[in-house]
Amino acid sequence: MSFEEYLEFERTASERHEFVDGQLFMMAGERGRHNRMAGRIYNKASALTEGSPCSVYINGVKVRTPDEMGYYPDVFATCEDEESDLYKRFPCFIVEVLSETTEAVDRGEKLSHYRLIPTLQTYVLISQDEVRAEVYSRLDEHSWRYEVIESGGMLRLPCVGLEIRLDEIYAGL
């Protein structure tokens, strides 16, 4: 299946699918905790981008990687003017909230494909089980810095100017 055939299929599908190496993979359902954590990041980032060229997306918009994979990140932003309303190719940050069923893919496959996106500055993995974020930050074309942030730490997404205490993401959960 080509990426264009995938887009056509997704237009009428009752469930969302990610597209990897020409194959479809149905998305697992989210739990409330997962949804609330992603929503808090989305709300903060979205408020900061009002009136700017950047837009923030949650759950329903795909990212198309340079090697033709199609993923639905939990939260991402793009500051590029893009032609498609179905997918974006130039995210500047991507956040994935880890779950038991997606953690291995988020850490391996997605990290590998997302790093090919030239505009991506930050890739964040947020744990649901403990106050912890793993942050991959682009240093240059071939280098990334890995950082672990725990309770009391600050998550920074520079492309949209977001600084949020990790404890705010987990408050009351």
N, C-alpha and C. Protein backbone atom coordinates (compact mmCIF):
# COMPACT_ATOMS: atom_id res chain seq x y z
N MET A 1 0.85 -1.17 0.00
CA MET A 1 0.00 0.00 0.00
C MET A 1 0.90 1.24 0.00
N SER A 2 0.57 2.21 -0.81
CA SER A 2 1.32 3.47 -0.83
C SER A 2 0.78 4.40 0.26
N PHE A 3 1.51 5.48 0.53
CA PHE A 3 1.06 6.43 1.53
C PHE A 3 -0.26 7.08 1.09
N GLU A 4 -0.40 7.36 -0.19
CA GLU A 4 -1.64 7.96 -0.70
C GLU A 4 -2.82 7.00 -0.55
N GLU A 5 -2.60 5.70 -0.79
CA GLU A 5 -3.66 4.70 -0.58
C GLU A 5 -4.04 4.62 0.90
N TYR A 6 -3.04 4.73 1.76
CA TYR A 6 -3.28 4.76 3.20
C TYR A 6 -4.17 5.95 3.57
N LEU A 7 -3.86 7.12 3.05
CA LEU A 7 -4.66 8.31 3.36
C LEU A 7 -6.11 8.11 2.91
N GLU A 8 -6.29 7.54 1.75
CA GLU A 8 -7.64 7.30 1.24
C GLU A 8 -8.38 6.31 2.13
N PHE A 9 -7.70 5.25 2.56
CA PHE A 9 -8.30 4.27 3.46
C PHE A 9 -8.71 4.92 4.78
N GLU A 10 -7.84 5.75 5.33
CA GLU A 10 -8.10 6.38 6.63
C GLU A 10 -9.29 7.35 6.59
N ARG A 11 -9.56 7.92 5.44
CA ARG A 11 -10.69 8.85 5.32
C ARG A 11 -12.02 8.22 5.74
N THR A 12 -12.17 6.92 5.46
CA THR A 12 -13.44 6.25 5.73
C THR A 12 -13.36 5.20 6.83
N ALA A 13 -12.17 4.98 7.38
CA ALA A 13 -12.01 3.96 8.41
C ALA A 13 -12.69 4.38 9.71
N SER A 14 -13.30 3.42 10.41
CA SER A 14 -13.95 3.73 11.68
C SER A 14 -12.94 3.78 12.83
N GLU A 15 -11.78 3.17 12.64
CA GLU A 15 -10.68 3.19 13.63
C GLU A 15 -9.47 3.84 12.98
N ARG A 16 -8.61 4.42 13.82
CA ARG A 16 -7.37 5.01 13.30
C ARG A 16 -6.30 3.93 13.16
N HIS A 17 -5.46 4.12 12.13
CA HIS A 17 -4.36 3.19 11.87
C HIS A 17 -3.08 3.96 11.65
N GLU A 18 -1.97 3.41 12.11
CA GLU A 18 -0.67 3.96 11.75
C GLU A 18 -0.18 3.16 10.55
N PHE A 19 0.72 3.77 9.78
CA PHE A 19 1.18 3.20 8.52
C PHE A 19 2.69 3.00 8.59
N VAL A 20 3.13 1.74 8.59
CA VAL A 20 4.54 1.41 8.73
C VAL A 20 4.93 0.38 7.68
N ASP A 21 5.93 0.73 6.88
CA ASP A 21 6.44 -0.17 5.84
C ASP A 21 5.33 -0.76 4.97
N GLY A 22 4.39 0.09 4.57
CA GLY A 22 3.33 -0.33 3.67
C GLY A 22 2.20 -1.10 4.33
N GLN A 23 2.23 -1.22 5.66
CA GLN A 23 1.21 -1.99 6.37
C GLN A 23 0.45 -1.11 7.36
N LEU A 24 -0.78 -1.50 7.63
CA LEU A 24 -1.63 -0.78 8.58
C LEU A 24 -1.60 -1.44 9.95
N PHE A 25 -1.56 -0.61 10.99
CA PHE A 25 -1.60 -1.10 12.36
C PHE A 25 -2.65 -0.29 13.11
N MET A 26 -3.71 -0.98 13.58
CA MET A 26 -4.79 -0.30 14.27
C MET A 26 -4.28 0.28 15.59
N MET A 27 -4.73 1.49 15.89
CA MET A 27 -4.34 2.18 17.13
C MET A 27 -5.10 1.59 18.31
N ALA A 28 -4.40 1.45 19.42
CA ALA A 28 -5.04 1.00 20.66
C ALA A 28 -5.81 2.16 21.26
N GLY A 29 -6.83 1.85 22.03
CA GLY A 29 -7.60 2.89 22.71
C GLY A 29 -6.80 3.50 23.86
N GLU A 30 -7.09 4.75 24.17
CA GLU A 30 -6.40 5.45 25.26
C GLU A 30 -7.18 5.32 26.54
N ARG A 31 -6.45 5.37 27.63
CA ARG A 31 -7.09 5.43 28.94
C ARG A 31 -7.19 6.89 29.36
N GLY A 32 -8.02 7.14 30.36
CA GLY A 32 -8.25 8.51 30.81
C GLY A 32 -6.99 9.23 31.24
N ARG A 33 -6.13 8.54 31.99
CA ARG A 33 -4.89 9.15 32.47
C ARG A 33 -4.03 9.61 31.29
N HIS A 34 -3.88 8.75 30.32
CA HIS A 34 -3.11 9.05 29.10
C HIS A 34 -3.67 10.29 28.43
N ASN A 35 -4.96 10.32 28.25
CA ASN A 35 -5.63 11.42 27.57
C ASN A 35 -5.46 12.74 28.33
N ARG A 36 -5.59 12.71 29.64
CA ARG A 36 -5.46 13.92 30.44
C ARG A 36 -4.04 14.47 30.41
N MET A 37 -3.04 13.58 30.44
CA MET A 37 -1.64 14.03 30.39
C MET A 37 -1.34 14.70 29.05
N ALA A 38 -1.74 14.06 27.96
CA ALA A 38 -1.53 14.65 26.64
C ALA A 38 -2.29 15.96 26.51
N GLY A 39 -3.50 16.00 27.05
CA GLY A 39 -4.32 17.20 26.98
C GLY A 39 -3.70 18.38 27.70
N ARG A 40 -3.05 18.14 28.81
CA ARG A 40 -2.41 19.23 29.56
C ARG A 40 -1.25 19.83 28.77
N ILE A 41 -0.48 18.99 28.12
CA ILE A 41 0.62 19.50 27.30
C ILE A 41 0.06 20.26 26.10
N TYR A 42 -0.95 19.68 25.46
CA TYR A 42 -1.59 20.33 24.32
C TYR A 42 -2.14 21.70 24.71
N ASN A 43 -2.88 21.78 25.81
CA ASN A 43 -3.48 23.05 26.22
C ASN A 43 -2.45 24.13 26.44
N LYS A 44 -1.36 23.81 27.14
CA LYS A 44 -0.30 24.79 27.42
C LYS A 44 0.38 25.23 26.13
N ALA A 45 0.73 24.27 25.28
CA ALA A 45 1.43 24.60 24.03
C ALA A 45 0.52 25.36 23.08
N SER A 46 -0.73 24.96 23.00
CA SER A 46 -1.68 25.62 22.11
C SER A 46 -1.89 27.08 22.49
N ALA A 47 -1.99 27.35 23.78
CA ALA A 47 -2.18 28.73 24.25
C ALA A 47 -0.98 29.60 23.86
N LEU A 48 0.20 29.03 23.88
CA LEU A 48 1.41 29.79 23.54
C LEU A 48 1.54 30.07 22.05
N THR A 49 0.88 29.29 21.22
CA THR A 49 1.05 29.45 19.77
C THR A 49 -0.04 30.31 19.12
N GLU A 50 -1.02 30.73 19.89
CA GLU A 50 -2.06 31.58 19.30
C GLU A 50 -1.44 32.83 18.72
N GLY A 51 -1.81 33.12 17.48
CA GLY A 51 -1.29 34.30 16.80
C GLY A 51 0.10 34.11 16.22
N SER A 52 0.64 32.90 16.32
CA SER A 52 1.97 32.63 15.76
C SER A 52 1.80 31.74 14.53
N PRO A 53 2.87 31.51 13.80
CA PRO A 53 2.78 30.60 12.64
C PRO A 53 2.74 29.13 13.04
N CYS A 54 2.86 28.83 14.33
CA CYS A 54 2.88 27.45 14.80
C CYS A 54 1.47 26.96 15.14
N SER A 55 1.25 25.66 14.96
CA SER A 55 0.00 25.03 15.33
C SER A 55 0.30 23.77 16.11
N VAL A 56 -0.55 23.46 17.10
CA VAL A 56 -0.37 22.29 17.94
C VAL A 56 -1.52 21.32 17.67
N TYR A 57 -1.21 20.03 17.62
CA TYR A 57 -2.20 19.01 17.32
C TYR A 57 -2.17 17.93 18.39
N ILE A 58 -3.34 17.32 18.59
CA ILE A 58 -3.47 16.23 19.56
C ILE A 58 -4.24 15.09 18.91
N ASN A 59 -3.67 13.91 18.94
CA ASN A 59 -4.29 12.64 18.56
C ASN A 59 -4.74 12.47 17.11
N GLY A 60 -5.52 13.34 16.53
CA GLY A 60 -6.20 13.03 15.29
C GLY A 60 -5.51 13.39 14.00
N VAL A 61 -4.31 13.98 14.05
CA VAL A 61 -3.60 14.36 12.83
C VAL A 61 -2.31 13.55 12.75
N LYS A 62 -2.03 13.05 11.56
CA LYS A 62 -0.87 12.20 11.34
C LYS A 62 0.40 13.02 11.11
N VAL A 63 1.54 12.41 11.43
CA VAL A 63 2.84 12.91 11.00
C VAL A 63 3.34 11.95 9.93
N ARG A 64 3.76 12.52 8.82
CA ARG A 64 4.32 11.75 7.70
C ARG A 64 5.83 11.92 7.74
N THR A 65 6.54 10.82 7.92
CA THR A 65 8.00 10.89 8.02
C THR A 65 8.62 10.92 6.63
N PRO A 66 9.88 11.35 6.51
CA PRO A 66 10.53 11.38 5.20
C PRO A 66 10.61 10.02 4.52
N ASP A 67 10.60 8.93 5.31
CA ASP A 67 10.64 7.60 4.72
C ASP A 67 9.24 6.99 4.56
N GLU A 68 8.21 7.87 4.54
CA GLU A 68 6.83 7.48 4.21
C GLU A 68 6.13 6.63 5.25
N MET A 69 6.39 6.87 6.53
CA MET A 69 5.63 6.24 7.59
C MET A 69 4.57 7.25 8.03
N GLY A 70 3.47 6.76 8.57
CA GLY A 70 2.40 7.63 9.05
C GLY A 70 2.04 7.27 10.47
N TYR A 71 2.26 8.22 11.38
CA TYR A 71 1.99 7.99 12.80
C TYR A 71 1.04 9.07 13.34
N TYR A 72 0.32 8.71 14.40
CA TYR A 72 -0.52 9.64 15.13
C TYR A 72 0.16 9.93 16.47
N PRO A 73 0.98 10.96 16.57
CA PRO A 73 1.57 11.28 17.87
C PRO A 73 0.50 11.75 18.84
N ASP A 74 0.79 11.64 20.14
CA ASP A 74 -0.16 12.14 21.13
C ASP A 74 -0.29 13.65 21.06
N VAL A 75 0.83 14.35 20.96
CA VAL A 75 0.83 15.82 20.82
C VAL A 75 2.02 16.18 19.94
N PHE A 76 1.83 17.14 19.04
CA PHE A 76 2.96 17.67 18.29
C PHE A 76 2.64 19.07 17.79
N ALA A 77 3.70 19.78 17.41
CA ALA A 77 3.53 21.13 16.87
C ALA A 77 4.32 21.24 15.58
N THR A 78 3.84 22.06 14.69
CA THR A 78 4.55 22.41 13.47
C THR A 78 4.50 23.92 13.30
N CYS A 79 5.58 24.48 12.81
CA CYS A 79 5.65 25.92 12.58
C CYS A 79 5.84 26.20 11.10
N GLU A 80 5.59 25.20 10.27
CA GLU A 80 5.71 25.32 8.82
C GLU A 80 4.30 25.39 8.23
N ASP A 81 4.16 26.16 7.18
CA ASP A 81 2.89 26.21 6.46
C ASP A 81 2.81 24.96 5.60
N GLU A 82 1.84 24.10 5.88
CA GLU A 82 1.76 22.83 5.17
C GLU A 82 0.46 22.72 4.39
N GLU A 83 0.54 21.98 3.28
CA GLU A 83 -0.58 21.89 2.35
C GLU A 83 -1.67 20.92 2.77
N SER A 84 -1.36 19.95 3.58
CA SER A 84 -2.33 18.91 3.89
C SER A 84 -2.97 19.11 5.26
N ASP A 85 -4.26 18.86 5.33
CA ASP A 85 -4.98 18.90 6.60
C ASP A 85 -5.01 17.50 7.24
N LEU A 86 -4.62 16.47 6.48
CA LEU A 86 -4.65 15.09 6.96
C LEU A 86 -3.36 14.69 7.66
N TYR A 87 -2.25 15.29 7.27
CA TYR A 87 -0.96 14.95 7.86
C TYR A 87 -0.05 16.17 7.83
N LYS A 88 0.98 16.12 8.66
CA LYS A 88 1.99 17.16 8.71
C LYS A 88 3.34 16.49 8.54
N ARG A 89 4.25 17.17 7.87
CA ARG A 89 5.58 16.61 7.61
C ARG A 89 6.70 17.30 8.37
N PHE A 90 6.41 18.44 9.01
CA PHE A 90 7.47 19.24 9.59
C PHE A 90 7.25 19.58 11.06
N PRO A 91 7.02 18.58 11.92
CA PRO A 91 6.84 18.90 13.34
C PRO A 91 8.14 19.41 13.95
N CYS A 92 8.01 20.31 14.94
CA CYS A 92 9.20 20.77 15.65
C CYS A 92 9.33 20.07 16.99
N PHE A 93 8.21 19.60 17.56
CA PHE A 93 8.27 18.71 18.72
C PHE A 93 7.21 17.64 18.59
N ILE A 94 7.49 16.49 19.19
CA ILE A 94 6.53 15.38 19.27
C ILE A 94 6.57 14.85 20.69
N VAL A 95 5.39 14.62 21.26
CA VAL A 95 5.28 14.01 22.59
C VAL A 95 4.47 12.72 22.45
N GLU A 96 4.99 11.65 23.03
CA GLU A 96 4.27 10.39 23.12
C GLU A 96 4.13 10.05 24.60
N VAL A 97 2.89 9.77 25.04
CA VAL A 97 2.64 9.30 26.40
C VAL A 97 2.74 7.78 26.34
N LEU A 98 3.64 7.23 27.10
CA LEU A 98 3.91 5.79 27.04
C LEU A 98 2.78 4.97 27.66
N SER A 99 2.49 3.85 27.04
CA SER A 99 1.57 2.88 27.60
C SER A 99 2.19 1.51 27.43
N GLU A 100 1.66 0.55 28.12
CA GLU A 100 2.20 -0.81 28.06
C GLU A 100 2.24 -1.34 26.63
N THR A 101 1.21 -1.02 25.85
CA THR A 101 1.11 -1.57 24.50
C THR A 101 1.94 -0.79 23.48
N THR A 102 2.32 0.46 23.77
CA THR A 102 3.03 1.26 22.77
C THR A 102 4.47 1.58 23.13
N GLU A 103 4.88 1.31 24.35
CA GLU A 103 6.20 1.77 24.82
C GLU A 103 7.35 1.29 23.93
N ALA A 104 7.38 0.03 23.57
CA ALA A 104 8.49 -0.49 22.76
C ALA A 104 8.54 0.20 21.39
N VAL A 105 7.38 0.42 20.79
CA VAL A 105 7.33 1.08 19.48
C VAL A 105 7.74 2.55 19.61
N ASP A 106 7.27 3.23 20.65
CA ASP A 106 7.62 4.64 20.86
C ASP A 106 9.12 4.82 21.06
N ARG A 107 9.74 3.91 21.82
CA ARG A 107 11.17 4.00 22.12
C ARG A 107 12.06 3.58 20.95
N GLY A 108 11.58 2.67 20.14
CA GLY A 108 12.40 2.13 19.06
C GLY A 108 12.02 2.64 17.69
N GLU A 109 10.98 2.03 17.13
CA GLU A 109 10.57 2.33 15.76
C GLU A 109 10.28 3.80 15.54
N LYS A 110 9.43 4.38 16.38
CA LYS A 110 9.06 5.78 16.17
C LYS A 110 10.25 6.71 16.34
N LEU A 111 11.05 6.48 17.37
CA LEU A 111 12.24 7.30 17.57
C LEU A 111 13.12 7.27 16.32
N SER A 112 13.32 6.10 15.77
CA SER A 112 14.15 5.94 14.58
C SER A 112 13.59 6.73 13.39
N HIS A 113 12.31 6.64 13.15
CA HIS A 113 11.70 7.33 12.01
C HIS A 113 11.53 8.82 12.27
N TYR A 114 11.15 9.20 13.47
CA TYR A 114 10.99 10.63 13.78
C TYR A 114 12.30 11.38 13.66
N ARG A 115 13.41 10.75 14.01
CA ARG A 115 14.70 11.44 13.95
C ARG A 115 15.09 11.81 12.52
N LEU A 116 14.45 11.24 11.53
CA LEU A 116 14.71 11.58 10.13
C LEU A 116 14.06 12.90 9.72
N ILE A 117 13.15 13.40 10.53
CA ILE A 117 12.43 14.64 10.20
C ILE A 117 13.35 15.82 10.48
N PRO A 118 13.73 16.57 9.45
CA PRO A 118 14.74 17.61 9.64
C PRO A 118 14.32 18.75 10.56
N THR A 119 13.03 19.00 10.69
CA THR A 119 12.55 20.10 11.54
C THR A 119 12.35 19.70 12.99
N LEU A 120 12.40 18.41 13.29
CA LEU A 120 12.13 17.95 14.65
C LEU A 120 13.27 18.35 15.57
N GLN A 121 12.93 19.12 16.60
CA GLN A 121 13.91 19.58 17.58
C GLN A 121 13.87 18.74 18.86
N THR A 122 12.64 18.27 19.22
CA THR A 122 12.48 17.60 20.51
C THR A 122 11.49 16.45 20.38
N TYR A 123 11.88 15.29 20.92
CA TYR A 123 11.00 14.12 21.01
C TYR A 123 10.92 13.74 22.47
N VAL A 124 9.69 13.68 23.01
CA VAL A 124 9.50 13.45 24.44
C VAL A 124 8.67 12.19 24.67
N LEU A 125 9.15 11.36 25.60
CA LEU A 125 8.42 10.18 26.05
C LEU A 125 8.01 10.43 27.49
N ILE A 126 6.70 10.44 27.75
CA ILE A 126 6.17 10.70 29.09
C ILE A 126 5.66 9.38 29.67
N SER A 127 6.12 9.05 30.86
CA SER A 127 5.67 7.84 31.55
C SER A 127 4.30 8.08 32.17
N GLN A 128 3.43 7.07 32.13
CA GLN A 128 2.16 7.16 32.84
C GLN A 128 2.29 6.68 34.28
N ASP A 129 3.29 5.85 34.54
CA ASP A 129 3.40 5.16 35.82
C ASP A 129 4.22 5.89 36.86
N GLU A 130 5.08 6.81 36.45
CA GLU A 130 5.89 7.58 37.39
C GLU A 130 6.10 8.97 36.81
N VAL A 131 6.41 9.94 37.65
CA VAL A 131 6.65 11.31 37.19
C VAL A 131 8.03 11.31 36.53
N ARG A 132 8.00 11.14 35.21
CA ARG A 132 9.26 10.97 34.47
C ARG A 132 9.03 11.26 32.99
N ALA A 133 9.94 12.04 32.42
CA ALA A 133 9.94 12.29 30.98
C ALA A 133 11.34 12.04 30.45
N GLU A 134 11.40 11.42 29.30
CA GLU A 134 12.66 11.23 28.60
C GLU A 134 12.64 12.14 27.38
N VAL A 135 13.67 12.95 27.26
CA VAL A 135 13.68 13.99 26.23
C VAL A 135 14.89 13.79 25.31
N TYR A 136 14.61 13.70 24.02
CA TYR A 136 15.64 13.65 22.99
C TYR A 136 15.64 15.02 22.31
N SER A 137 16.76 15.72 22.37
CA SER A 137 16.88 17.06 21.78
C SER A 137 17.94 17.05 20.70
N ARG A 138 17.59 17.59 19.54
CA ARG A 138 18.53 17.62 18.41
C ARG A 138 19.63 18.64 18.71
N LEU A 139 20.87 18.21 18.55
CA LEU A 139 22.02 19.10 18.69
C LEU A 139 22.48 19.60 17.33
N ASP A 140 22.51 18.71 16.36
CA ASP A 140 22.83 19.05 14.97
C ASP A 140 22.24 17.95 14.09
N GLU A 141 22.62 17.95 12.84
CA GLU A 141 22.02 17.00 11.88
C GLU A 141 22.18 15.54 12.29
N HIS A 142 23.25 15.20 13.00
CA HIS A 142 23.53 13.80 13.31
C HIS A 142 23.59 13.50 14.80
N SER A 143 23.34 14.48 15.66
CA SER A 143 23.53 14.28 17.10
C SER A 143 22.29 14.67 17.89
N TRP A 144 22.01 13.85 18.91
CA TRP A 144 20.88 14.10 19.80
C TRP A 144 21.36 13.98 21.24
N ARG A 145 20.77 14.78 22.12
CA ARG A 145 21.05 14.68 23.55
C ARG A 145 19.86 13.98 24.20
N TYR A 146 20.17 13.07 25.12
CA TYR A 146 19.14 12.34 25.87
C TYR A 146 19.16 12.84 27.30
N GLU A 147 17.98 13.16 27.83
CA GLU A 147 17.87 13.70 29.18
C GLU A 147 16.66 13.09 29.87
N VAL A 148 16.79 12.78 31.13
CA VAL A 148 15.67 12.30 31.93
C VAL A 148 15.26 13.41 32.88
N ILE A 149 13.97 13.72 32.92
CA ILE A 149 13.43 14.73 33.83
C ILE A 149 12.50 14.02 34.78
N GLU A 150 12.63 14.32 36.06
CA GLU A 150 11.78 13.69 37.07
C GLU A 150 11.06 14.76 37.88
N SER A 151 10.32 14.33 38.89
CA SER A 151 9.52 15.23 39.72
C SER A 151 10.31 16.48 40.11
N GLY A 152 9.70 17.63 39.93
CA GLY A 152 10.34 18.91 40.23
C GLY A 152 11.04 19.50 39.02
N GLY A 153 11.26 18.70 37.98
CA GLY A 153 11.96 19.16 36.79
C GLY A 153 11.05 19.90 35.83
N MET A 154 11.67 20.58 34.88
CA MET A 154 10.95 21.40 33.90
C MET A 154 11.08 20.78 32.51
N LEU A 155 9.95 20.59 31.85
CA LEU A 155 9.94 20.14 30.46
C LEU A 155 9.93 21.38 29.59
N ARG A 156 10.86 21.44 28.64
CA ARG A 156 10.97 22.59 27.74
C ARG A 156 10.80 22.14 26.29
N LEU A 157 9.92 22.84 25.59
CA LEU A 157 9.71 22.62 24.16
C LEU A 157 9.98 23.96 23.48
N PRO A 158 11.26 24.22 23.17
CA PRO A 158 11.68 25.56 22.75
C PRO A 158 11.00 26.09 21.49
N CYS A 159 10.64 25.23 20.55
CA CYS A 159 10.09 25.74 19.29
C CYS A 159 8.77 26.48 19.47
N VAL A 160 8.05 26.21 20.57
CA VAL A 160 6.82 26.95 20.85
C VAL A 160 6.92 27.74 22.16
N GLY A 161 8.09 27.73 22.77
CA GLY A 161 8.31 28.49 24.00
C GLY A 161 7.66 27.90 25.24
N LEU A 162 7.37 26.60 25.22
CA LEU A 162 6.71 25.97 26.36
C LEU A 162 7.71 25.55 27.42
N GLU A 163 7.42 25.95 28.65
CA GLU A 163 8.12 25.46 29.83
C GLU A 163 7.04 25.07 30.82
N ILE A 164 7.01 23.79 31.18
CA ILE A 164 5.99 23.30 32.09
C ILE A 164 6.65 22.35 33.09
N ARG A 165 6.33 22.55 34.36
CA ARG A 165 6.85 21.65 35.39
C ARG A 165 6.21 20.28 35.18
N LEU A 166 7.03 19.28 35.27
CA LEU A 166 6.53 17.92 35.09
C LEU A 166 5.39 17.62 36.07
N ASP A 167 5.50 18.15 37.27
CA ASP A 167 4.47 17.91 38.29
C ASP A 167 3.11 18.46 37.86
N GLU A 168 3.08 19.50 37.01
CA GLU A 168 1.80 20.04 36.50
C GLU A 168 1.10 19.03 35.59
N ILE A 169 1.89 18.29 34.84
CA ILE A 169 1.32 17.30 33.92
C ILE A 169 0.64 16.18 34.69
N TYR A 170 1.21 15.84 35.86
CA TYR A 170 0.72 14.72 36.65
C TYR A 170 -0.21 15.12 37.79
N ALA A 171 -0.44 16.41 37.98
CA ALA A 171 -1.22 16.88 39.12
C ALA A 171 -2.59 16.20 39.20
N GLY A 172 -2.90 15.61 40.34
CA GLY A 172 -4.19 15.00 40.59
C GLY A 172 -4.43 13.66 39.91
N LEU A 173 -3.42 13.12 39.26
CA LEU A 173 -3.61 11.85 38.55
C LEU A 173 -3.13 10.68 39.39
